[in-house]
Structures are given as C-alpha cells and as structure tokens.
C-alpha cells in the first residue's frame, strides 16, 4: 500500500474480514489498497483503547503468540498511521458472530480515531468469496459505547442493525463457561476429537467458529470432567 498524501474522491481503502477475503478481492481490484482485518475479537480479552500497547499485549495473549508475531499481522499500525489518507472505506464482512464482533471493534476504532470519511458496508456470503449480498452506508456514533458495553462489560447493547445485534447475542452466550457449544460437547463427549470439531463447525456456523476455538472448547469441557 502506498501512503498517499493527496486525498481524492477515488482514494478508497478496502478492509476485509481476513486474508482469504483480501486475496479474493485482490483478483478483482488488483490496483486498489486492501487491508485484511486480522483480528478474532471474540477470543480472549481486550481493553478500552483500541490498538494501544495494552490492547496489543492482550490480543497477543489471546492468540498465545509472541507480541512481535502478533504485530506483524495486526491492522492496527497501518490504520493508526495511514487512515487519514483515505476518504472512503469499504468494509467486507459476512454475517456470523466472529465478523460481527470484529466489525464492532473496527467501527469503535474509527470513532476513537474520529474518522471523518464515508464508510460503506459490504455484506458477504459466508463461503470465503467476495460475493456481495447487500450494501449500506455506516454512520458512526454509538459503536465505541457498544464496544465498551459488549466486549468489556459483557452486557447487551442494541445497535439497531439486525446482523450486529444477533452477533452480540451470540457473543454474550459464547463468552459464558456454560454455553450452547459447551453443552453440546458435554452431550457428545464420547465422539472422536476431529469428528466433534467438524460437528461443531457445522452446527454452530452462525458463530464463525475456527478449528482452534472448537478444539479449545472440547479440551476445556473434557478437562472439567476429569
């Protein structure tokens, strides 16, 4: 990406849900600036100041990786240093909990940074492609409050956006020790590990579970039974 000093109406930054989506979008827009939002905010802990030093340390701990390794993929440094160079942002995310929590964090950061430009949300099919199902403009205003209420206080917050509100409800359940996923694991405790992981990914697709998250849930439930 180039750090353009001159801002024009065509100066757009595309922010995707991750590297797979970013790679797909690059095939369609090879000349455009594309940034993967490499976060999984539904995992681990966070803090009030997004992309601060404390935030970075907490996120590295959430992924159980060294801080420097985390910083190599984090979008934070680029967003903090180059955001002002873009007057329009296109956000590409699908409709599961994983994406909803990341979107809330990203929009909260844009409020924190007092981003003045236009924001356009592109709702994607949840199949790794960049097939756009719907699009709408985003108006900032309540997302920092939402981020604080949901991710820090673990309390309900109504955004008025159906997809985000569904994601919030799933997230609040997800962060409980006794949730839909752990209850399913407890009821199917004799299943082989890989089989159970695959079942969880399919049955709880609305959460956007990763293999690693599913395996952690299984380990936690089985350790508790010992």
C-alpha atoms as a PDB file:
ATOM      1  CA  UNK A   1       0.000   0.000   0.000  1.00  0.00           C
ATOM      2  CA  UNK A   2       1.227   3.486  -0.710  1.00  0.00           C
ATOM      3  CA  UNK A   3       0.979   6.357   1.711  1.00  0.00           C
ATOM      4  CA  UNK A   4      -0.775   8.947  -0.443  1.00  0.00           C
ATOM      5  CA  UNK A   5      -0.574  12.492   0.849  1.00  0.00           C
ATOM      6  CA  UNK A   6      -3.165  13.793  -1.589  1.00  0.00           C
ATOM      7  CA  UNK A   7      -6.761  12.800  -0.840  1.00  0.00           C
ATOM      8  CA  UNK A   8      -9.105  12.456  -3.807  1.00  0.00           C
ATOM      9  CA  UNK A   9     -12.695  11.181  -4.111  1.00  0.00           C
ATOM     10  CA  UNK A  10     -11.291   7.950  -5.571  1.00  0.00           C
ATOM     11  CA  UNK A  11      -8.987   7.311  -2.622  1.00  0.00           C
ATOM     12  CA  UNK A  12     -10.557   4.176  -1.131  1.00  0.00           C
ATOM     13  CA  UNK A  13      -9.312   1.644   1.402  1.00  0.00           C
ATOM     14  CA  UNK A  14     -10.938  -1.782   1.291  1.00  0.00           C
ATOM     15  CA  UNK A  15     -10.917  -3.562   4.677  1.00  0.00           C
ATOM     16  CA  UNK A  16     -11.718  -7.269   4.589  1.00  0.00           C
ATOM     17  CA  UNK A  17     -12.600  -9.789   7.287  1.00  0.00           C
ATOM     18  CA  UNK A  18      -9.287 -11.597   6.808  1.00  0.00           C
ATOM     19  CA  UNK A  19      -6.557 -12.643   4.408  1.00  0.00           C
ATOM     20  CA  UNK A  20      -8.651 -15.155   2.440  1.00  0.00           C
ATOM     21  CA  UNK A  21     -11.193 -12.475   1.565  1.00  0.00           C
ATOM     22  CA  UNK A  22      -8.400  -9.982   0.882  1.00  0.00           C
ATOM     23  CA  UNK A  23      -6.772 -12.356  -1.594  1.00  0.00           C
ATOM     24  CA  UNK A  24     -10.071 -12.919  -3.385  1.00  0.00           C
ATOM     25  CA  UNK A  25     -10.724  -9.177  -3.586  1.00  0.00           C
ATOM     26  CA  UNK A  26      -7.225  -8.507  -4.968  1.00  0.00           C
ATOM     27  CA  UNK A  27      -8.128 -10.618  -8.000  1.00  0.00           C
ATOM     28  CA  UNK A  28     -10.990  -8.217  -8.745  1.00  0.00           C
ATOM     29  CA  UNK A  29      -9.260  -4.993  -7.679  1.00  0.00           C
ATOM     30  CA  UNK A  30      -5.538  -5.544  -8.284  1.00  0.00           C
ATOM     31  CA  UNK A  31      -4.697  -1.828  -8.212  1.00  0.00           C
ATOM     32  CA  UNK A  32      -6.630  -0.959  -5.045  1.00  0.00           C
ATOM     33  CA  UNK A  33      -5.451  -0.741  -1.439  1.00  0.00           C
ATOM     34  CA  UNK A  34      -6.749  -3.734   0.538  1.00  0.00           C
ATOM     35  CA  UNK A  35      -6.193  -4.366   4.245  1.00  0.00           C
ATOM     36  CA  UNK A  36      -7.152  -7.647   5.975  1.00  0.00           C
ATOM     37  CA  UNK A  37      -8.567  -7.070   9.453  1.00  0.00           C
ATOM     38  CA  UNK A  38      -6.551  -9.821  11.091  1.00  0.00           C
ATOM     39  CA  UNK A  39      -8.318  -9.985  14.434  1.00  0.00           C
ATOM     40  CA  UNK A  40     -10.507 -12.505  16.233  1.00  0.00           C
ATOM     41  CA  UNK A  41     -12.047 -10.256  18.850  1.00  0.00           C
ATOM     42  CA  UNK A  42     -14.406 -12.960  20.104  1.00  0.00           C
ATOM     43  CA  UNK A  43     -11.338 -14.680  21.621  1.00  0.00           C
ATOM     44  CA  UNK A  44      -9.522 -13.539  24.738  1.00  0.00           C
ATOM     45  CA  UNK A  45      -9.709 -10.142  26.406  1.00  0.00           C
ATOM     46  CA  UNK A  46      -9.444  -6.545  25.259  1.00  0.00           C
ATOM     47  CA  UNK A  47      -9.255  -3.016  26.697  1.00  0.00           C
ATOM     48  CA  UNK A  48     -10.842   0.394  26.215  1.00  0.00           C
ATOM     49  CA  UNK A  49      -8.177   1.951  23.970  1.00  0.00           C
ATOM     50  CA  UNK A  50      -8.213   0.023  20.688  1.00  0.00           C
ATOM     51  CA  UNK A  51      -4.793  -0.575  19.073  1.00  0.00           C
ATOM     52  CA  UNK A  52      -2.950   0.740  22.135  1.00  0.00           C
ATOM     53  CA  UNK A  53       0.071  -1.039  23.625  1.00  0.00           C
ATOM     54  CA  UNK A  54      -2.178  -2.638  26.245  1.00  0.00           C
ATOM     55  CA  UNK A  55      -4.554  -3.785  23.503  1.00  0.00           C
ATOM     56  CA  UNK A  56      -1.707  -5.363  21.546  1.00  0.00           C
ATOM     57  CA  UNK A  57      -0.448  -7.264  24.597  1.00  0.00           C
ATOM     58  CA  UNK A  58      -3.916  -8.603  25.391  1.00  0.00           C
ATOM     59  CA  UNK A  59      -4.530  -9.691  21.806  1.00  0.00           C
ATOM     60  CA  UNK A  60      -1.174 -11.485  21.552  1.00  0.00           C
ATOM     61  CA  UNK A  61      -2.027 -13.302  24.793  1.00  0.00           C
ATOM     62  CA  UNK A  62      -5.445 -14.237  23.380  1.00  0.00           C
ATOM     63  CA  UNK A  63      -3.768 -15.971  20.428  1.00  0.00           C
ATOM     64  CA  UNK A  64      -0.984 -17.384  22.632  1.00  0.00           C
ATOM     65  CA  UNK A  65       1.735 -15.991  20.360  1.00  0.00           C
ATOM     66  CA  UNK A  66       4.682 -13.607  20.953  1.00  0.00           C
ATOM     67  CA  UNK A  67       3.838  -9.913  20.752  1.00  0.00           C
ATOM     68  CA  UNK A  68       6.126  -9.317  17.764  1.00  0.00           C
ATOM     69  CA  UNK A  69       4.488 -12.131  15.822  1.00  0.00           C
ATOM     70  CA  UNK A  70       1.068 -10.645  16.531  1.00  0.00           C
ATOM     71  CA  UNK A  71       2.185  -7.152  15.464  1.00  0.00           C
ATOM     72  CA  UNK A  72       3.330  -8.452  12.075  1.00  0.00           C
ATOM     73  CA  UNK A  73      -0.294  -9.218  11.144  1.00  0.00           C
ATOM     74  CA  UNK A  74      -2.249  -6.710  13.202  1.00  0.00           C
ATOM     75  CA  UNK A  75      -4.011  -3.990  11.143  1.00  0.00           C
ATOM     76  CA  UNK A  76      -3.504  -1.510  13.997  1.00  0.00           C
ATOM     77  CA  UNK A  77      -0.252   0.136  12.916  1.00  0.00           C
ATOM     78  CA  UNK A  78      -1.452   0.771   9.363  1.00  0.00           C
ATOM     79  CA  UNK A  79      -4.841   2.091  10.471  1.00  0.00           C
ATOM     80  CA  UNK A  80      -3.296   4.453  13.003  1.00  0.00           C
ATOM     81  CA  UNK A  81      -0.685   5.832  10.612  1.00  0.00           C
ATOM     82  CA  UNK A  82      -2.470   5.812   7.245  1.00  0.00           C
ATOM     83  CA  UNK A  83      -6.210   6.059   7.926  1.00  0.00           C
ATOM     84  CA  UNK A  84      -6.206   9.806   7.310  1.00  0.00           C
ATOM     85  CA  UNK A  85      -5.070   9.196   3.727  1.00  0.00           C
ATOM     86  CA  UNK A  86      -8.410   7.642   2.751  1.00  0.00           C
ATOM     87  CA  UNK A  87     -11.699   9.456   2.485  1.00  0.00           C
ATOM     88  CA  UNK A  88     -13.786   6.325   1.830  1.00  0.00           C
ATOM     89  CA  UNK A  89     -13.690   2.893   3.462  1.00  0.00           C
ATOM     90  CA  UNK A  90     -15.334  -0.247   2.113  1.00  0.00           C
ATOM     91  CA  UNK A  91     -15.799  -2.952   4.751  1.00  0.00           C
ATOM     92  CA  UNK A  92     -16.196  -6.580   3.615  1.00  0.00           C
ATOM     93  CA  UNK A  93     -17.548  -8.943   6.289  1.00  0.00           C
ATOM     94  CA  UNK A  94     -20.046 -11.770   6.422  1.00  0.00           C
ATOM     95  CA  UNK A  95     -22.876 -12.373   8.873  1.00  0.00           C
ATOM     96  CA  UNK A  96     -21.538 -14.647  11.633  1.00  0.00           C
ATOM     97  CA  UNK A  97     -20.663 -13.748  15.232  1.00  0.00           C
ATOM     98  CA  UNK A  98     -16.910 -13.728  14.523  1.00  0.00           C
ATOM     99  CA  UNK A  99     -17.357 -10.995  11.931  1.00  0.00           C
ATOM    100  CA  UNK A 100     -19.937  -9.039  13.932  1.00  0.00           C
ATOM    101  CA  UNK A 101     -17.586  -8.638  16.910  1.00  0.00           C
ATOM    102  CA  UNK A 102     -14.723  -7.623  14.617  1.00  0.00           C
ATOM    103  CA  UNK A 103     -16.942  -5.073  12.862  1.00  0.00           C
ATOM    104  CA  UNK A 104     -17.975  -3.542  16.194  1.00  0.00           C
ATOM    105  CA  UNK A 105     -14.291  -3.247  17.165  1.00  0.00           C
ATOM    106  CA  UNK A 106     -13.332  -1.700  13.830  1.00  0.00           C
ATOM    107  CA  UNK A 107     -16.170   0.839  13.906  1.00  0.00           C
ATOM    108  CA  UNK A 108     -15.370   1.670  17.537  1.00  0.00           C
ATOM    109  CA  UNK A 109     -11.776   2.342  16.492  1.00  0.00           C
ATOM    110  CA  UNK A 110     -12.955   4.607  13.663  1.00  0.00           C
ATOM    111  CA  UNK A 111     -14.939   6.596  16.213  1.00  0.00           C
ATOM    112  CA  UNK A 112     -11.948   6.659  18.545  1.00  0.00           C
ATOM    113  CA  UNK A 113      -9.810   7.976  15.659  1.00  0.00           C
ATOM    114  CA  UNK A 114     -12.527  10.486  14.730  1.00  0.00           C
ATOM    115  CA  UNK A 115     -12.531   9.231  11.137  1.00  0.00           C
ATOM    116  CA  UNK A 116     -14.406  11.827   9.034  1.00  0.00           C
ATOM    117  CA  UNK A 117     -14.834   9.963   5.747  1.00  0.00           C
ATOM    118  CA  UNK A 118     -17.535   7.794   4.220  1.00  0.00           C
ATOM    119  CA  UNK A 119     -17.946   4.151   5.270  1.00  0.00           C
ATOM    120  CA  UNK A 120     -19.751   1.591   3.145  1.00  0.00           C
ATOM    121  CA  UNK A 121     -20.503  -1.893   4.451  1.00  0.00           C
ATOM    122  CA  UNK A 122     -20.438  -4.817   2.023  1.00  0.00           C
ATOM    123  CA  UNK A 123     -22.218  -7.901   3.402  1.00  0.00           C
ATOM    124  CA  UNK A 124     -20.584 -11.036   2.020  1.00  0.00           C
ATOM    125  CA  UNK A 125     -21.700 -14.604   1.598  1.00  0.00           C
ATOM    126  CA  UNK A 126     -20.067 -16.766   4.278  1.00  0.00           C
ATOM    127  CA  UNK A 127     -18.191 -19.011   1.856  1.00  0.00           C
ATOM    128  CA  UNK A 128     -14.804 -17.321   1.526  1.00  0.00           C
ATOM    129  CA  UNK A 129     -15.762 -15.483  -1.666  1.00  0.00           C
ATOM    130  CA  UNK A 130     -16.394 -11.774  -2.171  1.00  0.00           C
ATOM    131  CA  UNK A 131     -19.972 -12.228  -3.336  1.00  0.00           C
ATOM    132  CA  UNK A 132     -21.801  -9.143  -2.021  1.00  0.00           C
ATOM    133  CA  UNK A 133     -25.291  -9.895  -0.701  1.00  0.00           C
ATOM    134  CA  UNK A 134     -26.142  -6.374   0.427  1.00  0.00           C
ATOM    135  CA  UNK A 135     -24.520  -2.993   0.997  1.00  0.00           C
ATOM    136  CA  UNK A 136     -25.323   0.035   3.126  1.00  0.00           C
ATOM    137  CA  UNK A 137     -23.675   3.211   4.456  1.00  0.00           C
ATOM    138  CA  UNK A 138     -22.397   3.215   8.035  1.00  0.00           C
ATOM    139  CA  UNK A 139     -22.994   6.192  10.294  1.00  0.00           C
ATOM    140  CA  UNK A 140     -20.643   6.376  13.263  1.00  0.00           C
ATOM    141  CA  UNK A 141     -21.869   7.468  16.665  1.00  0.00           C
ATOM    142  CA  UNK A 142     -22.595   4.608  19.088  1.00  0.00           C
ATOM    143  CA  UNK A 143     -20.003   1.947  18.279  1.00  0.00           C
ATOM    144  CA  UNK A 144     -17.419   2.906  20.933  1.00  0.00           C
ATOM    145  CA  UNK A 145     -20.205   2.725  23.501  1.00  0.00           C
ATOM    146  CA  UNK A 146     -21.289  -0.620  22.025  1.00  0.00           C
ATOM    147  CA  UNK A 147     -17.696  -1.955  22.117  1.00  0.00           C
ATOM    148  CA  UNK A 148     -17.329  -0.972  25.777  1.00  0.00           C
ATOM    149  CA  UNK A 149     -20.685  -2.373  26.815  1.00  0.00           C
ATOM    150  CA  UNK A 150     -20.351  -5.677  24.944  1.00  0.00           C
ATOM    151  CA  UNK A 151     -16.638  -6.569  24.831  1.00  0.00           C
ATOM    152  CA  UNK A 152     -15.567  -5.055  28.161  1.00  0.00           C
ATOM    153  CA  UNK A 153     -18.684  -5.203  30.337  1.00  0.00           C
ATOM    154  CA  UNK A 154     -20.218  -8.272  28.613  1.00  0.00           C
ATOM    155  CA  UNK A 155     -23.632  -6.654  28.597  1.00  0.00           C
ATOM    156  CA  UNK A 156     -26.314  -6.424  25.943  1.00  0.00           C
ATOM    157  CA  UNK A 157     -26.340  -3.435  23.591  1.00  0.00           C
ATOM    158  CA  UNK A 158     -28.844  -2.762  20.818  1.00  0.00           C
ATOM    159  CA  UNK A 159     -27.322  -1.239  17.681  1.00  0.00           C
ATOM    160  CA  UNK A 160     -30.462  -1.364  15.564  1.00  0.00           C
ATOM    161  CA  UNK A 161     -28.588  -3.427  12.953  1.00  0.00           C
ATOM    162  CA  UNK A 162     -30.098  -6.923  12.856  1.00  0.00           C
ATOM    163  CA  UNK A 163     -26.851  -8.693  11.971  1.00  0.00           C
ATOM    164  CA  UNK A 164     -24.783  -6.962  14.641  1.00  0.00           C
ATOM    165  CA  UNK A 165     -27.461  -7.432  17.286  1.00  0.00           C
ATOM    166  CA  UNK A 166     -27.635 -11.152  16.509  1.00  0.00           C
ATOM    167  CA  UNK A 167     -23.842 -11.346  16.693  1.00  0.00           C
ATOM    168  CA  UNK A 168     -23.843  -9.594  20.068  1.00  0.00           C
ATOM    169  CA  UNK A 169     -26.362 -12.069  21.492  1.00  0.00           C
ATOM    170  CA  UNK A 170     -24.257 -15.000  20.253  1.00  0.00           C
ATOM    171  CA  UNK A 171     -21.057 -13.435  21.608  1.00  0.00           C
ATOM    172  CA  UNK A 172     -22.504 -12.931  25.094  1.00  0.00           C
ATOM    173  CA  UNK A 173     -23.507 -16.608  25.138  1.00  0.00           C
ATOM    174  CA  UNK A 174     -20.142 -17.642  23.657  1.00  0.00           C
ATOM    175  CA  UNK A 175     -18.201 -15.987  26.499  1.00  0.00           C
ATOM    176  CA  UNK A 176     -20.104 -17.895  29.194  1.00  0.00           C
ATOM    177  CA  UNK A 177     -18.475 -21.044  30.583  1.00  0.00           C
ATOM    178  CA  UNK A 178     -21.784 -22.854  30.160  1.00  0.00           C
ATOM    179  CA  UNK A 179     -22.935 -22.002  26.635  1.00  0.00           C
ATOM    180  CA  UNK A 180     -24.617 -23.725  23.689  1.00  0.00           C
ATOM    181  CA  UNK A 181     -21.307 -25.055  22.437  1.00  0.00           C
ATOM    182  CA  UNK A 182     -20.057 -26.496  25.736  1.00  0.00           C
ATOM    183  CA  UNK A 183     -23.432 -28.110  26.399  1.00  0.00           C
ATOM    184  CA  UNK A 184     -23.305 -29.803  23.009  1.00  0.00           C
ATOM    185  CA  UNK A 185     -19.773 -31.048  23.686  1.00  0.00           C
ATOM    186  CA  UNK A 186     -20.803 -32.402  27.094  1.00  0.00           C
ATOM    187  CA  UNK A 187     -23.702 -34.280  25.479  1.00  0.00           C
ATOM    188  CA  UNK A 188     -21.419 -35.783  22.801  1.00  0.00           C
ATOM    189  CA  UNK A 189     -18.338 -36.350  24.944  1.00  0.00           C
ATOM    190  CA  UNK A 190     -17.525 -39.778  23.559  1.00  0.00           C
ATOM    191  CA  UNK A 191     -17.099 -38.557  19.978  1.00  0.00           C
ATOM    192  CA  UNK A 192     -13.634 -38.633  18.424  1.00  0.00           C
ATOM    193  CA  UNK A 193     -11.851 -35.242  18.557  1.00  0.00           C
ATOM    194  CA  UNK A 194     -11.719 -34.442  14.834  1.00  0.00           C
ATOM    195  CA  UNK A 195     -15.266 -35.645  14.292  1.00  0.00           C
ATOM    196  CA  UNK A 196     -16.503 -33.450  17.126  1.00  0.00           C
ATOM    197  CA  UNK A 197     -14.598 -30.434  15.799  1.00  0.00           C
ATOM    198  CA  UNK A 198     -16.254 -30.849  12.400  1.00  0.00           C
ATOM    199  CA  UNK A 199     -19.667 -31.225  14.007  1.00  0.00           C
ATOM    200  CA  UNK A 200     -19.161 -28.013  15.967  1.00  0.00           C
ATOM    201  CA  UNK A 201     -18.084 -26.067  12.877  1.00  0.00           C
ATOM    202  CA  UNK A 202     -21.232 -27.139  11.053  1.00  0.00           C
ATOM    203  CA  UNK A 203     -23.751 -26.977  13.888  1.00  0.00           C
ATOM    204  CA  UNK A 204     -22.527 -23.614  15.164  1.00  0.00           C
ATOM    205  CA  UNK A 205     -21.747 -21.983  11.822  1.00  0.00           C
ATOM    206  CA  UNK A 206     -23.535 -18.817  12.964  1.00  0.00           C
ATOM    207  CA  UNK A 207     -20.708 -18.316  15.494  1.00  0.00           C
ATOM    208  CA  UNK A 208     -17.996 -18.482  12.830  1.00  0.00           C
ATOM    209  CA  UNK A 209     -16.010 -20.974  14.912  1.00  0.00           C
ATOM    210  CA  UNK A 210     -12.428 -21.765  13.943  1.00  0.00           C
ATOM    211  CA  UNK A 211     -10.856 -25.227  14.308  1.00  0.00           C
ATOM    212  CA  UNK A 212      -8.677 -23.854  17.121  1.00  0.00           C
ATOM    213  CA  UNK A 213     -11.610 -22.351  19.043  1.00  0.00           C
ATOM    214  CA  UNK A 214     -13.608 -25.583  18.715  1.00  0.00           C
ATOM    215  CA  UNK A 215     -10.652 -27.645  19.968  1.00  0.00           C
ATOM    216  CA  UNK A 216     -10.205 -25.305  22.963  1.00  0.00           C
ATOM    217  CA  UNK A 217     -13.863 -25.718  23.926  1.00  0.00           C
ATOM    218  CA  UNK A 218     -13.551 -29.509  23.691  1.00  0.00           C
ATOM    219  CA  UNK A 219     -10.395 -29.525  25.818  1.00  0.00           C
ATOM    220  CA  UNK A 220     -11.998 -27.278  28.464  1.00  0.00           C
ATOM    221  CA  UNK A 221     -15.100 -29.488  28.747  1.00  0.00           C
ATOM    222  CA  UNK A 222     -13.123 -32.731  28.885  1.00  0.00           C
ATOM    223  CA  UNK A 223     -10.626 -31.359  31.422  1.00  0.00           C
ATOM    224  CA  UNK A 224     -13.529 -30.335  33.652  1.00  0.00           C
ATOM    225  CA  UNK A 225     -14.864 -33.916  33.628  1.00  0.00           C
ATOM    226  CA  UNK A 226     -11.555 -35.424  34.764  1.00  0.00           C
END
